[in-house]
Amino acid sequence: MNKKIASLLAAGVFSLAAFHANAADKVTLQLKWVTQAQFAGYYVAKDKGFYEEEGLDVDIKPGGPDIAPAQVIAGGGADVIVDWMPSALATREKGVPLVNIAQPFKQSGMMLTCLKESGVTSPDDFKGKTLGVWFFGNEYPFLSWMAHLKIPTEGGPEGVTVLKQGFNVDPLIQKQAACISTMTYNEYWQVIDAGIKPEDLVTFKYEDQGVATLEDGLYVLEDKLKDPAFKEKMVKFVRASMKGWKYAEENPDEAADIVLENDSTGAQTEKHQKRMMGEIAKLTAGSNGALDEADYKRTVQSLLAGGSDPVISKEPEGAWTHEITNEALK
């Protein structure tokens, strides 16, 4: 083989490789919050090449206090988002047609964490107290729970005063509230790290109270699912993402390290992320990515049971599909 032919062949191979690299389907994922182990499965899937194996080029966009995933996807800034189902269903009813295509989280990590000295020992003791609540779509599970308890949220001796809680634990530390919203994998441990002992706290997990709603599902816009090419892209994305999640469950310390490598802010610590990943693994355990219809119905019924002001006013139609996971799990 002469040098000219060899050179042409080499150039052809290089061009073909470049073509395949450029031909990767781009997917933009908008997270619900900042880079942390809550989203480890996606970072692991990217780091380990699971997306690349599926021919995908995935851009993972961190969230934050001023970022509403539903607004991002409605404005064309993402193909798929991570959101909690109460927020997604409320958003759908308001006109943004979000559809759940996969549900990596099986359990809820949400809870109220209370100072024992406040006198709260059971939900009956919430009356007359100030409770910290996150907003921006995160308030819906709390409001639904209070509706179940028939406790008004406008204050007074028979109601609760809602303190609009920032994404921190300051109201509890500074004793501005008897209880605050926390996640099992994050803010609860911030309280502990602030020097408050577990025995000085009382916690109420939404799961234990029978009012848990689904968290951290994957959502797309309904009209996008009419496009076969988009559906195929989502099948690949979900398949690779779930591979990432199962790897993260089995290798929590490595997964936490991958998350830290992707944290451009440098705000996260190794101790916190490894602890968080251990707790997150408990919430994703038991899910293969397919939405459990019973879990969906439980969430909907909880949101509908909101008295005179329910989170959603009617049972949603078309709010979820198994089309993507049915193909991804083959």
Protein backbone atom coordinates (compact mmCIF):
# COMPACT_ATOMS: atom_id res chain seq x y z
CA MET A 1 0.00 0.00 0.00
CA ASN A 2 1.54 3.31 -1.02
CA LYS A 3 1.75 6.25 1.35
CA LYS A 4 -0.89 8.25 -0.50
CA ILE A 5 -3.56 5.50 -0.20
CA ALA A 6 -2.64 4.91 3.45
CA SER A 7 -2.96 8.61 4.10
CA LEU A 8 -6.37 8.76 2.43
CA LEU A 9 -7.61 5.75 4.39
CA ALA A 10 -6.38 7.25 7.65
CA ALA A 11 -8.10 10.51 6.81
CA GLY A 12 -11.30 8.60 6.03
CA VAL A 13 -11.22 6.78 9.36
CA PHE A 14 -10.62 10.06 11.16
CA SER A 15 -13.48 11.73 9.31
CA LEU A 16 -15.81 8.83 10.14
CA ALA A 17 -14.86 9.04 13.82
CA ALA A 18 -15.42 12.78 13.77
CA PHE A 19 -18.79 12.25 12.08
CA HIS A 20 -19.90 9.78 14.76
CA ALA A 21 -18.72 12.14 17.50
CA ASN A 22 -20.66 15.00 15.94
CA ALA A 23 -23.68 12.79 15.32
CA ALA A 24 -24.28 12.16 19.03
CA ASP A 25 -27.81 13.17 20.00
CA LYS A 26 -27.75 16.14 22.33
CA VAL A 27 -29.90 16.02 25.46
CA THR A 28 -30.18 18.83 28.00
CA LEU A 29 -31.21 17.77 31.51
CA GLN A 30 -32.32 20.45 33.99
CA LEU A 31 -31.88 19.42 37.61
CA LYS A 32 -34.20 20.49 40.41
CA TRP A 33 -31.37 21.71 42.62
CA VAL A 34 -27.61 22.30 42.75
CA THR A 35 -25.00 19.67 41.95
CA GLN A 36 -25.18 17.11 44.76
CA ALA A 37 -25.62 13.39 45.34
CA GLN A 38 -29.39 13.78 44.93
CA PHE A 39 -28.59 13.63 41.20
CA ALA A 40 -25.68 11.21 41.33
CA GLY A 41 -27.15 8.76 38.83
CA TYR A 42 -26.97 11.30 36.01
CA TYR A 43 -23.43 12.40 36.78
CA VAL A 44 -22.33 8.76 37.07
CA ALA A 45 -23.97 7.90 33.73
CA LYS A 46 -22.04 10.71 32.09
CA ASP A 47 -18.73 10.00 33.85
CA LYS A 48 -18.85 6.26 33.17
CA GLY A 49 -19.70 6.73 29.50
CA PHE A 50 -23.20 5.22 29.75
CA TYR A 51 -24.69 8.12 27.80
CA GLU A 52 -21.92 7.97 25.25
CA GLU A 53 -22.57 4.25 24.75
CA GLU A 54 -26.13 5.17 23.79
CA GLY A 55 -24.91 7.81 21.33
CA LEU A 56 -25.94 10.69 23.56
CA ASP A 57 -24.22 13.96 24.41
CA VAL A 58 -25.87 14.97 27.69
CA ASP A 59 -25.59 18.45 29.18
CA ILE A 60 -26.52 18.43 32.89
CA LYS A 61 -27.64 21.87 34.07
CA PRO A 62 -27.63 22.42 37.86
CA GLY A 63 -30.62 24.10 39.46
CA GLY A 64 -30.78 26.60 42.28
CA PRO A 65 -33.12 28.78 44.34
CA ASP A 66 -33.98 30.97 41.36
CA ILE A 67 -34.42 28.16 38.82
CA ALA A 68 -37.81 26.52 38.25
CA PRO A 69 -37.30 23.41 36.05
CA ALA A 70 -40.85 23.67 34.64
CA GLN A 71 -40.18 27.21 33.46
CA VAL A 72 -36.88 26.15 31.91
CA ILE A 73 -38.43 23.35 29.86
CA ALA A 74 -41.45 25.46 28.90
CA GLY A 75 -39.04 28.08 27.57
CA GLY A 76 -37.12 25.53 25.51
CA GLY A 77 -34.07 25.48 27.79
CA ALA A 78 -34.16 21.73 28.46
CA ASP A 79 -35.35 18.48 26.89
CA VAL A 80 -36.04 16.75 30.19
CA ILE A 81 -36.23 17.92 33.81
CA VAL A 82 -36.07 16.47 37.31
CA ASP A 83 -39.08 17.53 39.37
CA TRP A 84 -41.30 16.40 42.21
CA MET A 85 -44.68 15.05 41.14
CA PRO A 86 -46.81 17.49 43.20
CA SER A 87 -45.09 20.40 41.50
CA ALA A 88 -45.28 18.74 38.07
CA LEU A 89 -49.00 17.96 38.39
CA ALA A 90 -49.80 21.45 39.67
CA THR A 91 -47.81 22.89 36.76
CA ARG A 92 -49.63 20.63 34.30
CA GLU A 93 -53.00 21.83 35.58
CA LYS A 94 -51.82 25.42 35.06
CA GLY A 95 -51.12 24.76 31.40
CA VAL A 96 -47.57 23.41 31.07
CA PRO A 97 -48.19 19.80 29.92
CA LEU A 98 -45.47 17.91 31.78
CA VAL A 99 -45.43 14.12 31.45
CA ASN A 100 -43.58 11.72 33.75
CA ILE A 101 -41.50 9.34 31.59
CA ALA A 102 -39.53 7.66 34.41
CA GLN A 103 -39.41 7.54 38.20
CA PRO A 104 -35.92 6.76 39.59
CA PHE A 105 -36.97 7.65 43.18
CA LYS A 106 -39.23 5.09 44.84
CA GLN A 107 -39.37 6.62 48.35
CA SER A 108 -39.83 10.14 49.67
CA GLY A 109 -37.05 11.79 51.65
CA MET A 110 -39.14 14.70 52.90
CA MET A 111 -39.81 15.32 56.57
CA LEU A 112 -40.41 17.95 59.23
CA THR A 113 -37.65 18.26 61.80
CA CYS A 114 -38.68 19.81 65.14
CA LEU A 115 -36.91 20.92 68.28
CA LYS A 116 -38.01 18.69 71.15
CA GLU A 117 -38.04 21.73 73.46
CA SER A 118 -40.84 23.21 71.33
CA GLY A 119 -43.21 20.64 72.80
CA VAL A 120 -44.01 18.95 69.49
CA THR A 121 -44.30 15.20 70.00
CA SER A 122 -47.00 14.36 67.44
CA PRO A 123 -48.77 16.09 64.52
CA ASP A 124 -51.52 17.17 66.96
CA ASP A 125 -48.94 19.47 68.53
CA PHE A 126 -48.43 21.45 65.29
CA LYS A 127 -51.41 23.65 66.18
CA GLY A 128 -50.37 27.10 67.29
CA LYS A 129 -46.79 26.55 66.13
CA THR A 130 -44.66 28.15 63.42
CA LEU A 131 -43.48 25.68 60.78
CA GLY A 132 -40.83 26.33 58.13
CA VAL A 133 -41.92 25.46 54.61
CA TRP A 134 -40.08 25.61 51.29
CA PHE A 135 -41.95 27.22 48.40
CA PHE A 136 -41.26 27.37 44.64
CA GLY A 137 -43.35 24.21 44.13
CA ASN A 138 -42.00 22.42 47.21
CA GLU A 139 -44.87 23.57 49.42
CA TYR A 140 -47.47 21.26 47.89
CA PRO A 141 -46.69 18.10 49.93
CA PHE A 142 -46.83 20.16 53.15
CA LEU A 143 -50.11 21.86 52.26
CA SER A 144 -51.60 18.50 51.34
CA TRP A 145 -50.50 17.02 54.69
CA MET A 146 -52.03 19.90 56.66
CA ALA A 147 -55.26 19.43 54.70
CA HIS A 148 -55.26 15.76 55.74
CA LEU A 149 -54.83 16.82 59.36
CA LYS A 150 -57.52 19.52 58.92
CA ILE A 151 -55.10 22.10 60.28
CA PRO A 152 -55.46 25.59 58.77
CA THR A 153 -52.27 27.24 57.50
CA GLU A 154 -53.27 30.83 58.25
CA GLY A 155 -52.06 30.87 61.84
CA GLY A 156 -54.09 31.09 65.06
CA PRO A 157 -54.28 28.70 68.03
CA GLU A 158 -55.95 25.95 65.94
CA GLY A 159 -53.77 26.45 62.89
CA VAL A 160 -50.11 26.72 61.97
CA THR A 161 -48.14 29.80 61.00
CA VAL A 162 -46.19 29.08 57.82
CA LEU A 163 -42.71 30.55 57.74
CA LYS A 164 -41.45 30.84 54.17
CA GLN A 165 -38.23 28.94 54.66
CA GLY A 166 -35.10 29.62 52.68
CA PHE A 167 -33.07 26.66 51.50
CA ASN A 168 -31.24 26.43 54.81
CA VAL A 169 -31.88 25.38 58.41
CA ASP A 170 -31.50 28.80 60.05
CA PRO A 171 -35.11 29.08 61.34
CA LEU A 172 -34.60 26.01 63.53
CA ILE A 173 -31.12 26.94 64.71
CA GLN A 174 -32.31 30.45 65.56
CA LYS A 175 -35.53 29.09 67.07
CA GLN A 176 -37.75 31.10 64.75
CA ALA A 177 -39.79 27.95 64.06
CA ALA A 178 -40.73 24.87 66.05
CA CYS A 179 -40.19 22.70 62.97
CA ILE A 180 -38.63 23.12 59.54
CA SER A 181 -38.72 21.25 56.25
CA THR A 182 -35.77 18.92 55.76
CA MET A 183 -34.75 16.05 53.53
CA THR A 184 -33.45 12.81 55.02
CA TYR A 185 -30.34 13.15 52.88
CA ASN A 186 -29.54 16.84 53.27
CA GLU A 187 -30.94 19.46 55.65
CA TYR A 188 -31.47 17.05 58.56
CA TRP A 189 -27.70 16.49 58.60
CA GLN A 190 -27.09 20.23 58.38
CA VAL A 191 -29.02 20.54 61.64
CA ILE A 192 -26.86 17.81 63.20
CA ASP A 193 -23.68 19.43 61.89
CA ALA A 194 -24.82 22.72 63.46
CA GLY A 195 -24.43 21.05 66.85
CA ILE A 196 -27.97 19.91 67.69
CA LYS A 197 -28.05 16.32 68.91
CA PRO A 198 -30.45 13.78 67.38
CA GLU A 199 -32.01 13.18 70.79
CA ASP A 200 -32.97 16.86 70.94
CA LEU A 201 -35.00 16.54 67.75
CA VAL A 202 -38.33 15.01 66.75
CA THR A 203 -38.77 14.07 63.10
CA PHE A 204 -41.86 13.30 61.04
CA LYS A 205 -41.19 11.55 57.74
CA TYR A 206 -43.91 12.03 55.17
CA GLU A 207 -43.57 8.33 54.31
CA ASP A 208 -44.39 7.37 57.91
CA GLN A 209 -47.35 9.77 58.04
CA GLY A 210 -49.00 8.17 55.00
CA VAL A 211 -48.86 11.40 52.98
CA ALA A 212 -45.69 10.80 50.96
CA THR A 213 -45.75 11.98 47.37
CA LEU A 214 -43.35 11.06 44.59
CA GLU A 215 -40.13 13.02 44.23
CA ASP A 216 -37.38 13.35 41.60
CA GLY A 217 -39.08 11.97 38.51
CA LEU A 218 -38.09 12.69 34.90
CA TYR A 219 -40.51 14.90 32.95
CA VAL A 220 -40.82 16.08 29.35
CA LEU A 221 -43.35 18.16 27.45
CA GLU A 222 -46.28 16.15 26.13
CA ASP A 223 -46.10 17.33 22.52
CA LYS A 224 -42.46 16.23 22.27
CA LEU A 225 -43.56 12.62 22.71
CA LYS A 226 -45.32 12.80 19.34
CA ASP A 227 -41.88 12.87 17.71
CA PRO A 228 -40.49 9.30 17.25
CA ALA A 229 -36.89 10.60 17.17
CA PHE A 230 -37.37 12.39 20.49
CA LYS A 231 -38.96 9.30 22.04
CA GLU A 232 -36.04 7.16 20.89
CA LYS A 233 -33.64 9.68 22.41
CA MET A 234 -35.50 9.54 25.73
CA VAL A 235 -35.45 5.73 25.70
CA LYS A 236 -31.66 5.86 25.42
CA PHE A 237 -31.45 8.59 28.05
CA VAL A 238 -33.58 6.73 30.59
CA ARG A 239 -31.77 3.44 29.99
CA ALA A 240 -28.36 5.03 30.55
CA SER A 241 -29.60 7.09 33.51
CA MET A 242 -30.96 4.05 35.32
CA LYS A 243 -27.68 2.26 34.67
CA GLY A 244 -26.03 5.24 36.34
CA TRP A 245 -28.42 5.10 39.28
CA LYS A 246 -27.88 1.39 39.92
CA TYR A 247 -24.10 1.89 39.70
CA ALA A 248 -24.39 4.75 42.22
CA GLU A 249 -26.40 2.56 44.61
CA GLU A 250 -23.75 -0.16 44.47
CA ASN A 251 -20.78 2.22 44.61
CA PRO A 252 -21.94 5.12 46.81
CA ASP A 253 -18.51 6.51 47.72
CA GLU A 254 -17.34 6.52 44.11
CA ALA A 255 -20.62 8.13 43.05
CA ALA A 256 -20.16 10.87 45.66
CA ASP A 257 -16.64 11.50 44.37
CA ILE A 258 -17.98 11.87 40.82
CA VAL A 259 -20.55 14.39 42.06
CA LEU A 260 -17.80 16.37 43.80
CA GLU A 261 -15.76 16.42 40.58
CA ASN A 262 -18.74 18.02 38.83
CA ASP A 263 -19.39 20.64 41.51
CA SER A 264 -17.92 23.76 39.92
CA THR A 265 -18.86 25.87 42.95
CA GLY A 266 -16.70 23.91 45.39
CA ALA A 267 -19.51 24.32 47.93
CA GLN A 268 -19.94 20.62 48.69
CA THR A 269 -17.83 18.59 51.10
CA GLU A 270 -16.77 14.97 50.78
CA LYS A 271 -18.27 14.06 54.17
CA HIS A 272 -21.65 15.55 53.33
CA GLN A 273 -21.86 14.10 49.81
CA LYS A 274 -20.88 10.59 50.86
CA ARG A 275 -23.44 10.69 53.66
CA MET A 276 -26.03 12.08 51.24
CA MET A 277 -25.36 9.36 48.68
CA GLY A 278 -25.90 6.70 51.33
CA GLU A 279 -29.32 8.18 52.12
CA ILE A 280 -30.23 8.72 48.47
CA ALA A 281 -29.52 5.05 47.72
CA LYS A 282 -32.33 4.15 50.16
CA LEU A 283 -34.78 6.24 48.12
CA THR A 284 -33.84 4.88 44.68
CA ALA A 285 -33.64 1.27 45.87
CA GLY A 286 -36.46 -0.82 44.45
CA SER A 287 -37.00 1.33 41.37
CA ASN A 288 -36.05 0.16 37.89
CA GLY A 289 -37.13 3.53 36.51
CA ALA A 290 -40.72 2.61 35.63
CA LEU A 291 -43.39 4.60 37.46
CA ASP A 292 -45.39 2.42 39.86
CA GLU A 293 -49.04 3.20 39.10
CA ALA A 294 -50.00 2.61 42.74
CA ASP A 295 -47.46 5.22 43.85
CA TYR A 296 -48.85 7.62 41.25
CA LYS A 297 -52.43 7.10 42.43
CA ARG A 298 -51.39 7.58 46.05
CA THR A 299 -49.73 10.88 45.15
CA VAL A 300 -52.77 12.10 43.18
CA GLN A 301 -55.21 11.18 45.94
CA SER A 302 -53.05 12.95 48.51
CA LEU A 303 -52.98 16.11 46.38
CA LEU A 304 -56.72 16.01 45.70
CA ALA A 305 -57.56 15.69 49.39
CA GLY A 306 -56.82 19.31 50.08
CA GLY A 307 -60.17 20.47 51.44
CA SER A 308 -61.36 23.75 49.96
CA ASP A 309 -57.98 24.51 48.37
CA PRO A 310 -56.46 21.28 47.00
CA VAL A 311 -53.12 21.27 45.19
CA ILE A 312 -54.86 20.00 42.05
CA SER A 313 -58.57 20.35 41.41
CA LYS A 314 -59.18 17.22 39.34
CA GLU A 315 -57.56 13.90 38.51
CA PRO A 316 -54.97 14.48 35.78
CA GLU A 317 -55.14 12.77 32.38
CA GLY A 318 -52.06 11.86 30.40
CA ALA A 319 -49.66 12.96 33.12
CA TRP A 320 -47.44 9.87 32.85
CA THR A 321 -46.46 7.20 30.36
CA HIS A 322 -44.74 3.83 30.39
CA GLU A 323 -43.86 4.10 26.70
CA ILE A 324 -40.29 5.15 27.39
CA THR A 325 -39.48 2.77 30.24
CA ASN A 326 -41.14 -0.17 28.44
CA GLU A 327 -38.56 0.23 25.66
CA ALA A 328 -35.66 1.21 27.91
CA LEU A 329 -36.06 -1.85 30.16
CA LYS A 330 -36.20 -4.44 27.38
